[in-house]
Structures are given as structure tokens and as C-alpha cells.
């Protein structure tokens, strides 16, 4: 009888964990504020992967960095959602840039950013600081909402 009770408790705990995990998948999480200071090592790893500060004639407002792999099925959905949102915001004063990184080619960057599963998407501001993070496939509406403030220059106080 004790074995059945323990089995039922373990089953309930596993189902509860699974429901919480599933609910968090695809949810844009972040404070909207920049996270920790970008270290020289993180900046170097980001730049090696093609994420950089932009150029004088086209500064970056934000970068949508998503990790993928050839063997990742849901990554194709992320590619479509991110591509569509970035295209939709292309007319903004400071349009975002999309960078897709293969986790197998840049494992050090994935480790630095704490990527534990695919797909994982980050929104970085112009200073390469993490603003938001999404595990799973983000919704287009959530991605637009997170990117919106980063695509417009701050209002001047004059």
C-alpha cells in the first residue's frame, strides 16, 4: 500500500511540474530593464556569433538572438515568427536585427547565456544587454510587445 501511495505522490508531482513547464514555454520573460553588465567575455562571444553594436550609418536598437540547430523541429517555427516580427518592425526608427545562432557551432555562447533547451530566444538592447528571454516558440504579439520600446528612440526632454 505504501508503494502505491508513493507512486501516486510522484505522479501528481510530475504532472504538476509538467503543467508549469508547459505553461512557461513560449512566454516572453524579462523585466524590460537591462540585466547584468555585459562582460568583455560575453561581448566577445556575441560578436563572434555575429551580434554586434551595428555601424554608424545603421545603429542597432535591438537584436533578436535565437539559438537553433538542424535537428530542432520547433526552431523552424521560431524562425518564421521572429522573421515576421522583425519584418513588421522594419519601418520603425530603430528596427531590430535578427541573428540566428546554431547551438552546435557556438556552444560557449550558449553556455554563457544559460541556454538549456532549444529553441531559446533573447532580445538584446543596443548595448547587448539581455532584456527578455523566451524558451520555446514565442507568440508574435509577445515578441512585438517586447521589441516595441526598443525600436523607438527615447523621447527628448527639451
N, C-alpha and C. Protein backbone atom coordinates (compact mmCIF):
# COMPACT_ATOMS: atom_id res chain seq x y z
N UNK A 1 0.81 -1.20 0.00
CA UNK A 1 0.00 0.00 0.00
C UNK A 1 0.86 1.27 0.00
N UNK A 2 1.95 1.25 0.75
CA UNK A 2 2.84 2.40 0.82
C UNK A 2 3.46 2.69 -0.55
N UNK A 3 3.78 1.63 -1.27
CA UNK A 3 4.36 1.80 -2.61
C UNK A 3 3.40 2.50 -3.56
N UNK A 4 2.11 2.16 -3.47
CA UNK A 4 1.11 2.80 -4.33
C UNK A 4 0.94 4.26 -3.96
N UNK A 5 0.96 4.56 -2.67
CA UNK A 5 0.84 5.95 -2.20
C UNK A 5 2.01 6.78 -2.71
N UNK A 6 3.21 6.23 -2.58
CA UNK A 6 4.40 6.96 -3.06
C UNK A 6 4.34 7.15 -4.57
N UNK A 7 3.87 6.16 -5.29
CA UNK A 7 3.74 6.26 -6.73
C UNK A 7 2.74 7.34 -7.12
N UNK A 8 1.62 7.40 -6.42
CA UNK A 8 0.62 8.44 -6.68
C UNK A 8 1.17 9.84 -6.39
N UNK A 9 1.90 9.99 -5.30
CA UNK A 9 2.50 11.29 -4.96
C UNK A 9 3.49 11.71 -6.04
N UNK A 10 4.32 10.76 -6.48
CA UNK A 10 5.30 11.07 -7.53
C UNK A 10 4.60 11.44 -8.83
N UNK A 11 3.52 10.74 -9.16
CA UNK A 11 2.77 11.01 -10.37
C UNK A 11 2.14 12.41 -10.34
N UNK A 12 1.54 12.77 -9.21
CA UNK A 12 0.93 14.10 -9.07
C UNK A 12 2.00 15.18 -9.17
N UNK A 13 3.15 14.97 -8.54
CA UNK A 13 4.23 15.96 -8.60
C UNK A 13 4.74 16.12 -10.03
N UNK A 14 4.87 15.00 -10.75
CA UNK A 14 5.35 15.05 -12.13
C UNK A 14 4.36 15.78 -13.03
N UNK A 15 3.07 15.52 -12.85
CA UNK A 15 2.06 16.20 -13.66
C UNK A 15 2.06 17.70 -13.36
N UNK A 16 2.15 18.07 -12.08
CA UNK A 16 2.18 19.49 -11.72
C UNK A 16 3.39 20.18 -12.33
N UNK A 17 4.56 19.55 -12.24
CA UNK A 17 5.76 20.12 -12.82
C UNK A 17 5.60 20.27 -14.33
N UNK A 18 5.06 19.25 -14.99
CA UNK A 18 4.86 19.30 -16.44
C UNK A 18 3.92 20.42 -16.86
N UNK A 19 2.85 20.63 -16.09
CA UNK A 19 1.92 21.71 -16.41
C UNK A 19 2.57 23.08 -16.26
N UNK A 20 3.34 23.26 -15.20
CA UNK A 20 4.04 24.54 -15.00
C UNK A 20 5.06 24.75 -16.11
N UNK A 21 5.82 23.72 -16.45
CA UNK A 21 6.84 23.82 -17.50
C UNK A 21 6.19 24.16 -18.85
N UNK A 22 5.10 23.49 -19.17
CA UNK A 22 4.41 23.73 -20.44
C UNK A 22 3.85 25.15 -20.49
N UNK A 23 3.34 25.64 -19.41
CA UNK A 23 2.76 26.98 -19.38
C UNK A 23 3.83 28.05 -19.64
N UNK A 24 5.06 27.80 -19.17
CA UNK A 24 6.14 28.77 -19.34
C UNK A 24 6.73 28.76 -20.74
N UNK A 25 6.58 27.68 -21.49
CA UNK A 25 7.15 27.58 -22.82
C UNK A 25 6.53 28.63 -23.74
N UNK A 26 7.39 29.38 -24.43
CA UNK A 26 6.92 30.38 -25.38
C UNK A 26 6.55 31.71 -24.75
N UNK A 27 6.70 31.84 -23.44
CA UNK A 27 6.36 33.08 -22.75
C UNK A 27 7.58 33.99 -22.70
N UNK A 28 7.40 35.22 -23.10
CA UNK A 28 8.48 36.20 -23.04
C UNK A 28 8.65 36.60 -21.59
N UNK A 29 9.84 36.33 -21.06
CA UNK A 29 10.11 36.65 -19.66
C UNK A 29 11.22 37.68 -19.59
N UNK A 30 11.02 38.67 -18.77
CA UNK A 30 12.03 39.70 -18.56
C UNK A 30 11.41 40.87 -17.86
N UNK A 31 12.26 41.73 -17.38
CA UNK A 31 11.78 42.89 -16.65
C UNK A 31 11.59 44.09 -17.55
N UNK A 32 12.16 44.00 -18.76
CA UNK A 32 12.15 45.18 -19.61
C UNK A 32 13.37 46.05 -19.31
N UNK A 33 13.96 45.80 -18.17
CA UNK A 33 15.19 46.50 -17.80
C UNK A 33 16.37 45.64 -18.23
N UNK A 34 17.50 46.29 -18.47
CA UNK A 34 18.69 45.54 -18.84
C UNK A 34 19.11 44.66 -17.67
N UNK A 35 19.58 43.47 -17.98
CA UNK A 35 20.02 42.56 -16.94
C UNK A 35 21.41 42.98 -16.46
N UNK A 36 22.24 42.05 -16.16
CA UNK A 36 23.57 42.35 -15.63
C UNK A 36 24.45 43.06 -16.66
N UNK A 37 25.53 43.61 -16.18
CA UNK A 37 26.50 44.28 -17.04
C UNK A 37 27.09 43.25 -18.00
N UNK A 38 27.26 43.66 -19.23
CA UNK A 38 27.82 42.77 -20.24
C UNK A 38 29.34 42.71 -20.05
N UNK A 39 29.83 41.52 -19.75
CA UNK A 39 31.27 41.35 -19.55
C UNK A 39 31.99 41.36 -20.88
N UNK A 40 33.29 41.57 -20.83
CA UNK A 40 34.10 41.54 -22.06
C UNK A 40 34.00 40.18 -22.73
N UNK A 41 33.97 39.11 -21.93
CA UNK A 41 33.87 37.74 -22.49
C UNK A 41 32.53 37.55 -23.20
N UNK A 42 31.44 38.00 -22.58
CA UNK A 42 30.12 37.86 -23.21
C UNK A 42 30.08 38.68 -24.50
N UNK A 43 30.59 39.89 -24.48
CA UNK A 43 30.62 40.74 -25.67
C UNK A 43 31.43 40.07 -26.78
N UNK A 44 32.56 39.47 -26.43
CA UNK A 44 33.41 38.79 -27.42
C UNK A 44 32.66 37.62 -28.04
N UNK A 45 32.00 36.81 -27.20
CA UNK A 45 31.26 35.65 -27.71
C UNK A 45 30.10 36.08 -28.60
N UNK A 46 29.40 37.14 -28.20
CA UNK A 46 28.30 37.65 -29.02
C UNK A 46 28.80 38.15 -30.37
N UNK A 47 29.89 38.90 -30.36
CA UNK A 47 30.44 39.43 -31.61
C UNK A 47 30.93 38.32 -32.53
N UNK A 48 31.52 37.25 -31.95
CA UNK A 48 31.96 36.12 -32.76
C UNK A 48 30.78 35.46 -33.47
N UNK A 49 29.62 35.50 -32.83
CA UNK A 49 28.41 34.88 -33.40
C UNK A 49 27.67 35.82 -34.35
N UNK A 50 28.19 37.03 -34.54
CA UNK A 50 27.56 37.96 -35.48
C UNK A 50 26.66 38.99 -34.84
N UNK A 51 26.66 39.05 -33.51
CA UNK A 51 25.87 40.05 -32.80
C UNK A 51 26.82 41.18 -32.44
N UNK A 52 26.54 42.38 -32.93
CA UNK A 52 27.43 43.49 -32.65
C UNK A 52 26.67 44.77 -32.47
N UNK A 53 27.39 45.83 -32.23
CA UNK A 53 26.75 47.11 -31.95
C UNK A 53 26.21 47.83 -33.17
N UNK A 54 26.37 47.27 -34.35
CA UNK A 54 25.88 47.96 -35.54
C UNK A 54 26.98 48.82 -36.15
N UNK A 55 26.58 49.75 -37.00
CA UNK A 55 27.53 50.63 -37.65
C UNK A 55 27.03 52.06 -37.52
N UNK A 56 27.88 53.05 -37.75
CA UNK A 56 27.43 54.44 -37.61
C UNK A 56 26.24 54.79 -38.49
N UNK A 57 26.18 54.22 -39.70
CA UNK A 57 25.06 54.53 -40.58
C UNK A 57 23.81 53.71 -40.27
N UNK A 58 23.95 52.64 -39.51
CA UNK A 58 22.80 51.82 -39.12
C UNK A 58 23.03 51.26 -37.72
N UNK A 59 22.81 52.09 -36.70
CA UNK A 59 22.97 51.58 -35.33
C UNK A 59 21.83 50.61 -35.00
N UNK A 60 22.10 49.69 -34.12
CA UNK A 60 21.09 48.71 -33.73
C UNK A 60 20.32 49.19 -32.52
N UNK A 61 19.02 49.07 -32.59
CA UNK A 61 18.18 49.35 -31.43
C UNK A 61 18.07 48.09 -30.59
N UNK A 62 17.90 46.98 -31.23
CA UNK A 62 17.73 45.70 -30.53
C UNK A 62 18.14 44.57 -31.45
N UNK A 63 18.51 43.46 -30.85
CA UNK A 63 18.83 42.25 -31.59
C UNK A 63 17.97 41.13 -31.05
N UNK A 64 17.34 40.40 -31.96
CA UNK A 64 16.63 39.19 -31.58
C UNK A 64 17.58 38.04 -31.90
N UNK A 65 18.12 37.44 -30.85
CA UNK A 65 19.09 36.36 -30.98
C UNK A 65 18.37 35.06 -30.65
N UNK A 66 18.31 34.15 -31.63
CA UNK A 66 17.68 32.87 -31.32
C UNK A 66 18.61 31.72 -31.64
N UNK A 67 18.68 30.81 -30.67
CA UNK A 67 19.50 29.61 -30.80
C UNK A 67 18.68 28.52 -31.46
N UNK A 68 19.30 27.81 -32.39
CA UNK A 68 18.63 26.73 -33.09
C UNK A 68 19.65 25.65 -33.43
N UNK A 69 19.18 24.63 -34.13
CA UNK A 69 20.04 23.55 -34.62
C UNK A 69 19.30 22.86 -35.75
N UNK A 70 20.05 22.19 -36.62
CA UNK A 70 19.44 21.46 -37.73
C UNK A 70 18.45 20.42 -37.25
N UNK A 71 18.73 19.82 -36.11
CA UNK A 71 17.91 18.73 -35.59
C UNK A 71 16.73 19.22 -34.75
N UNK A 72 16.55 20.52 -34.61
CA UNK A 72 15.49 21.10 -33.77
C UNK A 72 14.24 21.39 -34.60
N UNK A 73 13.18 20.63 -34.39
CA UNK A 73 11.93 20.83 -35.13
C UNK A 73 11.25 22.16 -34.85
N UNK A 74 11.03 22.52 -33.57
CA UNK A 74 10.34 23.77 -33.26
C UNK A 74 11.11 25.03 -33.67
N UNK A 75 12.40 24.89 -33.95
CA UNK A 75 13.21 26.06 -34.34
C UNK A 75 12.72 26.68 -35.64
N UNK A 76 12.13 25.88 -36.52
CA UNK A 76 11.59 26.41 -37.77
C UNK A 76 10.43 27.36 -37.48
N UNK A 77 9.62 27.03 -36.49
CA UNK A 77 8.51 27.91 -36.11
C UNK A 77 9.03 29.23 -35.54
N UNK A 78 10.08 29.15 -34.73
CA UNK A 78 10.68 30.37 -34.17
C UNK A 78 11.22 31.24 -35.30
N UNK A 79 11.87 30.61 -36.26
CA UNK A 79 12.43 31.33 -37.41
C UNK A 79 11.33 32.11 -38.14
N UNK A 80 10.17 31.47 -38.33
CA UNK A 80 9.05 32.14 -39.01
C UNK A 80 8.51 33.30 -38.18
N UNK A 81 8.28 33.07 -36.89
CA UNK A 81 7.71 34.12 -36.02
C UNK A 81 8.66 35.29 -35.91
N UNK A 82 9.92 35.02 -35.62
CA UNK A 82 10.91 36.10 -35.48
C UNK A 82 11.07 36.85 -36.79
N UNK A 83 11.18 36.13 -37.89
CA UNK A 83 11.34 36.78 -39.19
C UNK A 83 10.18 37.70 -39.51
N UNK A 84 8.96 37.26 -39.22
CA UNK A 84 7.78 38.08 -39.50
C UNK A 84 7.75 39.32 -38.62
N UNK A 85 8.04 39.17 -37.34
CA UNK A 85 8.01 40.32 -36.42
C UNK A 85 9.10 41.32 -36.78
N UNK A 86 10.30 40.84 -37.09
CA UNK A 86 11.39 41.74 -37.47
C UNK A 86 11.03 42.47 -38.76
N UNK A 87 10.42 41.77 -39.71
CA UNK A 87 9.99 42.42 -40.97
C UNK A 87 8.90 43.46 -40.68
N UNK A 88 7.95 43.13 -39.80
CA UNK A 88 6.87 44.07 -39.45
C UNK A 88 7.42 45.34 -38.80
N UNK A 89 8.52 45.21 -38.05
CA UNK A 89 9.10 46.37 -37.36
C UNK A 89 10.20 47.04 -38.18
N UNK A 90 10.36 46.62 -39.42
CA UNK A 90 11.40 47.18 -40.28
C UNK A 90 11.25 48.66 -40.57
N UNK A 91 10.04 49.19 -40.45
CA UNK A 91 9.81 50.61 -40.71
C UNK A 91 9.98 51.49 -39.49
N UNK A 92 10.28 50.91 -38.34
CA UNK A 92 10.47 51.70 -37.12
C UNK A 92 11.76 52.51 -37.22
N UNK A 93 11.87 53.59 -36.43
CA UNK A 93 13.09 54.41 -36.48
C UNK A 93 14.37 53.63 -36.20
N UNK A 94 14.30 52.65 -35.29
CA UNK A 94 15.47 51.83 -34.96
C UNK A 94 15.05 50.36 -35.05
N UNK A 95 14.94 49.83 -36.28
CA UNK A 95 14.42 48.46 -36.45
C UNK A 95 15.33 47.41 -35.83
N UNK A 96 14.74 46.34 -35.32
CA UNK A 96 15.55 45.27 -34.73
C UNK A 96 16.25 44.45 -35.80
N UNK A 97 17.27 43.73 -35.37
CA UNK A 97 18.04 42.86 -36.24
C UNK A 97 17.88 41.43 -35.73
N UNK A 98 17.74 40.50 -36.64
CA UNK A 98 17.61 39.09 -36.28
C UNK A 98 18.95 38.39 -36.48
N UNK A 99 19.37 37.61 -35.49
CA UNK A 99 20.57 36.80 -35.60
C UNK A 99 20.22 35.39 -35.11
N UNK A 100 20.37 34.42 -36.00
CA UNK A 100 20.14 33.02 -35.63
C UNK A 100 21.49 32.35 -35.43
N UNK A 101 21.64 31.65 -34.32
CA UNK A 101 22.90 31.03 -33.97
C UNK A 101 22.68 29.53 -33.79
N UNK A 102 23.50 28.73 -34.45
CA UNK A 102 23.45 27.28 -34.30
C UNK A 102 24.16 26.92 -32.99
N UNK A 103 23.44 26.28 -32.09
CA UNK A 103 23.99 25.96 -30.78
C UNK A 103 25.19 25.02 -30.89
N UNK A 104 25.22 24.19 -31.93
CA UNK A 104 26.35 23.27 -32.11
C UNK A 104 27.61 24.01 -32.57
N UNK A 105 27.46 25.17 -33.20
CA UNK A 105 28.61 25.95 -33.65
C UNK A 105 29.11 26.92 -32.58
N UNK A 106 28.23 27.32 -31.66
CA UNK A 106 28.58 28.31 -30.64
C UNK A 106 28.19 27.82 -29.24
N UNK A 107 28.74 26.67 -28.83
CA UNK A 107 28.37 26.14 -27.51
C UNK A 107 28.83 27.04 -26.36
N UNK A 108 29.94 27.76 -26.53
CA UNK A 108 30.42 28.64 -25.46
C UNK A 108 29.45 29.79 -25.21
N UNK A 109 28.88 30.34 -26.29
CA UNK A 109 27.91 31.41 -26.14
C UNK A 109 26.63 30.88 -25.48
N UNK A 110 26.21 29.69 -25.90
CA UNK A 110 25.02 29.08 -25.29
C UNK A 110 25.24 28.87 -23.80
N UNK A 111 26.41 28.41 -23.43
CA UNK A 111 26.72 28.20 -22.00
C UNK A 111 26.74 29.53 -21.27
N UNK A 112 27.36 30.53 -21.86
CA UNK A 112 27.44 31.86 -21.25
C UNK A 112 26.05 32.44 -20.98
N UNK A 113 25.12 32.21 -21.89
CA UNK A 113 23.77 32.75 -21.76
C UNK A 113 22.81 31.80 -21.03
N UNK A 114 23.31 30.63 -20.65
CA UNK A 114 22.49 29.69 -19.90
C UNK A 114 21.41 29.01 -20.72
N UNK A 115 21.70 28.73 -21.99
CA UNK A 115 20.73 28.05 -22.84
C UNK A 115 20.74 26.56 -22.49
N UNK A 116 19.60 26.06 -22.03
CA UNK A 116 19.49 24.66 -21.64
C UNK A 116 18.64 23.83 -22.58
N UNK A 117 17.83 24.51 -23.41
CA UNK A 117 16.98 23.79 -24.34
C UNK A 117 16.75 24.63 -25.57
N UNK A 118 16.33 23.97 -26.63
CA UNK A 118 16.02 24.66 -27.88
C UNK A 118 14.54 24.56 -28.15
N UNK A 119 13.99 25.56 -28.78
CA UNK A 119 14.59 26.84 -29.13
C UNK A 119 14.60 27.79 -27.92
N UNK A 120 15.59 28.68 -27.90
CA UNK A 120 15.67 29.74 -26.90
C UNK A 120 15.98 31.04 -27.64
N UNK A 121 15.23 32.08 -27.31
CA UNK A 121 15.35 33.37 -27.98
C UNK A 121 15.62 34.45 -26.96
N UNK A 122 16.52 35.37 -27.30
CA UNK A 122 16.86 36.51 -26.44
C UNK A 122 16.56 37.80 -27.19
N UNK A 123 16.18 38.82 -26.46
CA UNK A 123 16.11 40.17 -27.00
C UNK A 123 17.18 40.97 -26.26
N UNK A 124 18.13 41.48 -27.04
CA UNK A 124 19.23 42.27 -26.51
C UNK A 124 19.05 43.71 -26.93
N UNK A 125 19.36 44.64 -26.04
CA UNK A 125 19.25 46.05 -26.40
C UNK A 125 20.49 46.48 -27.18
N UNK A 126 20.58 47.75 -27.50
CA UNK A 126 21.69 48.27 -28.31
C UNK A 126 23.04 48.08 -27.64
N UNK A 127 23.04 47.97 -26.30
CA UNK A 127 24.29 47.76 -25.56
C UNK A 127 24.58 46.28 -25.34
N UNK A 128 23.81 45.42 -26.00
CA UNK A 128 23.95 43.97 -25.94
C UNK A 128 23.56 43.40 -24.58
N UNK A 129 22.79 44.13 -23.81
CA UNK A 129 22.30 43.62 -22.54
C UNK A 129 20.99 42.88 -22.76
N UNK A 130 20.85 41.76 -22.07
CA UNK A 130 19.64 40.95 -22.20
C UNK A 130 18.45 41.67 -21.59
N UNK A 131 17.39 41.84 -22.37
CA UNK A 131 16.16 42.45 -21.88
C UNK A 131 15.07 41.42 -21.66
N UNK A 132 15.00 40.42 -22.54
CA UNK A 132 13.97 39.40 -22.47
C UNK A 132 14.54 38.07 -22.91
N UNK A 133 13.87 37.01 -22.48
CA UNK A 133 14.28 35.64 -22.84
C UNK A 133 13.02 34.82 -23.05
N UNK A 134 13.04 33.97 -24.07
CA UNK A 134 11.90 33.10 -24.36
C UNK A 134 12.42 31.68 -24.56
N UNK A 135 11.85 30.74 -23.83
CA UNK A 135 12.12 29.32 -24.08
C UNK A 135 10.91 28.78 -24.82
N UNK A 136 11.16 28.10 -25.93
CA UNK A 136 10.05 27.61 -26.74
C UNK A 136 9.76 28.58 -27.86
N UNK A 137 8.59 28.44 -28.46
CA UNK A 137 8.19 29.28 -29.59
C UNK A 137 7.43 30.49 -29.06
N UNK A 138 7.95 31.71 -29.26
CA UNK A 138 7.25 32.90 -28.77
C UNK A 138 6.05 33.23 -29.65
N UNK A 139 5.08 33.90 -29.05
CA UNK A 139 3.97 34.39 -29.89
C UNK A 139 4.43 35.69 -30.54
N UNK A 140 3.91 35.97 -31.72
CA UNK A 140 4.28 37.19 -32.43
C UNK A 140 3.88 38.42 -31.62
N UNK A 141 2.73 38.37 -30.97
CA UNK A 141 2.25 39.52 -30.18
C UNK A 141 3.18 39.81 -29.01
N UNK A 142 3.62 38.76 -28.30
CA UNK A 142 4.54 38.96 -27.16
C UNK A 142 5.88 39.51 -27.64
N UNK A 143 6.36 39.00 -28.76
CA UNK A 143 7.64 39.46 -29.29
C UNK A 143 7.56 40.92 -29.71
N UNK A 144 6.47 41.29 -30.39
CA UNK A 144 6.27 42.70 -30.79
C UNK A 144 6.22 43.61 -29.56
N UNK A 145 5.49 43.18 -28.54
CA UNK A 145 5.36 43.99 -27.32
C UNK A 145 6.71 44.19 -26.65
N UNK A 146 7.54 43.15 -26.63
CA UNK A 146 8.85 43.26 -26.01
C UNK A 146 9.80 44.13 -26.83
N UNK A 147 9.70 44.04 -28.15
CA UNK A 147 10.60 44.80 -29.02
C UNK A 147 10.16 46.26 -29.22
N UNK A 148 8.88 46.53 -29.12
CA UNK A 148 8.35 47.86 -29.41
C UNK A 148 9.12 49.01 -28.78
N UNK A 149 9.30 49.01 -27.46
CA UNK A 149 10.01 50.13 -26.84
C UNK A 149 11.47 50.26 -27.27
N UNK A 150 12.06 49.16 -27.75
CA UNK A 150 13.46 49.19 -28.15
C UNK A 150 13.66 49.64 -29.59
N UNK A 151 12.57 49.83 -30.32
CA UNK A 151 12.68 50.22 -31.73
C UNK A 151 12.45 51.71 -31.95
N UNK A 152 12.16 52.41 -30.88
CA UNK A 152 11.93 53.85 -30.98
C UNK A 152 12.93 54.60 -30.12
N UNK A 153 13.50 55.68 -30.63
CA UNK A 153 14.45 56.44 -29.82
C UNK A 153 13.74 57.04 -28.61
N UNK A 154 14.48 57.20 -27.51
CA UNK A 154 13.85 57.81 -26.33
C UNK A 154 13.42 59.24 -26.62
N UNK A 155 12.31 59.63 -26.05
CA UNK A 155 11.81 61.00 -26.23
C UNK A 155 12.76 61.97 -25.55
N UNK A 156 13.01 63.07 -26.23
CA UNK A 156 13.91 64.09 -25.64
C UNK A 156 13.13 64.93 -24.65
N UNK A 157 13.84 65.45 -23.68
CA UNK A 157 13.23 66.26 -22.62
C UNK A 157 13.30 67.75 -22.92
N UNK A 158 13.51 68.13 -24.15
CA UNK A 158 13.66 69.56 -24.44
C UNK A 158 12.35 70.21 -24.79
